[in-house]
Amino acid sequence: MTSITIPIAEEPLAKLKELAKEANVAPEDLVRASLEEWLKQPKSDFARAAEYVVQKNVELYRRLA
């Protein structure tokens, strides 16, 4: 497994530690799990934007075809 190091300001770090303590896990494990879950999520914002552009320009695309 590869490791990375990132700087975290004191206030967010304190919140992270508090959340990790409430979940009874190490802060590193909480961050890792959160990141892994976030990376699994579909890129819905992009998909919505692409769908909007396609629908908005459907007549133009039909004429260009």
Protein backbone atom coordinates (compact mmCIF):
# COMPACT_ATOMS: atom_id res chain seq x y z
CA MET A 1 0.00 0.00 0.00
CA THR A 2 1.25 3.48 -0.82
CA SER A 3 1.07 6.31 1.69
CA ILE A 4 0.60 10.02 1.18
CA THR A 5 1.00 12.90 3.59
CA ILE A 6 -1.23 15.95 3.48
CA PRO A 7 -1.21 19.04 5.67
CA ILE A 8 -4.39 19.59 7.70
CA ALA A 9 -5.11 22.75 9.67
CA GLU A 10 -5.67 22.36 13.41
CA GLU A 11 -9.43 23.00 13.38
CA PRO A 12 -10.31 20.39 10.73
CA LEU A 13 -7.88 17.95 12.35
CA ALA A 14 -9.63 18.37 15.70
CA LYS A 15 -13.00 17.69 14.02
CA LEU A 16 -11.55 14.63 12.29
CA LYS A 17 -10.21 13.28 15.56
CA GLU A 18 -13.56 13.88 17.26
CA LEU A 19 -15.48 12.07 14.51
CA ALA A 20 -13.00 9.19 14.55
CA LYS A 21 -13.30 8.88 18.31
CA GLU A 22 -17.11 8.80 18.05
CA ALA A 23 -16.83 6.05 15.43
CA ASN A 24 -14.23 4.22 17.52
CA VAL A 25 -11.69 4.17 14.67
CA ALA A 26 -8.33 5.77 14.00
CA PRO A 27 -8.47 9.12 12.18
CA GLU A 28 -6.42 7.60 9.35
CA ASP A 29 -8.95 4.80 8.93
CA LEU A 30 -11.83 7.25 8.85
CA VAL A 31 -10.13 9.33 6.15
CA ARG A 32 -9.23 6.22 4.14
CA ALA A 33 -12.79 4.85 4.29
CA SER A 34 -14.29 8.23 3.40
CA LEU A 35 -11.95 8.66 0.45
CA GLU A 36 -12.61 5.15 -0.83
CA GLU A 37 -16.36 5.69 -0.59
CA TRP A 38 -16.11 9.05 -2.38
CA LEU A 39 -14.05 7.51 -5.19
CA LYS A 40 -16.73 4.84 -5.73
CA GLN A 41 -19.43 7.45 -6.35
CA PRO A 42 -20.46 8.08 -9.96
CA LYS A 43 -19.59 11.43 -11.36
CA SER A 44 -23.21 12.57 -11.31
CA ASP A 45 -22.46 16.27 -11.72
CA PHE A 46 -20.68 15.61 -15.00
CA ALA A 47 -23.40 13.24 -16.19
CA ARG A 48 -26.11 15.82 -15.44
CA ALA A 49 -24.19 18.55 -17.22
CA ALA A 50 -23.58 16.34 -20.26
CA GLU A 51 -27.25 15.37 -20.42
CA TYR A 52 -28.27 19.05 -20.21
CA VAL A 53 -25.94 20.00 -23.08
CA VAL A 54 -27.14 17.13 -25.25
CA GLN A 55 -30.82 17.94 -24.63
CA LYS A 56 -30.28 21.66 -25.15
CA ASN A 57 -28.52 21.13 -28.47
CA VAL A 58 -30.45 18.13 -29.82
CA GLU A 59 -31.80 20.09 -32.81
CA LEU A 60 -28.34 21.39 -33.67
CA TYR A 61 -26.88 17.87 -33.50
CA ARG A 62 -29.72 16.58 -35.73
CA ARG A 63 -28.96 19.25 -38.36
CA LEU A 64 -25.24 18.57 -38.25
CA ALA A 65 -25.70 14.80 -38.70
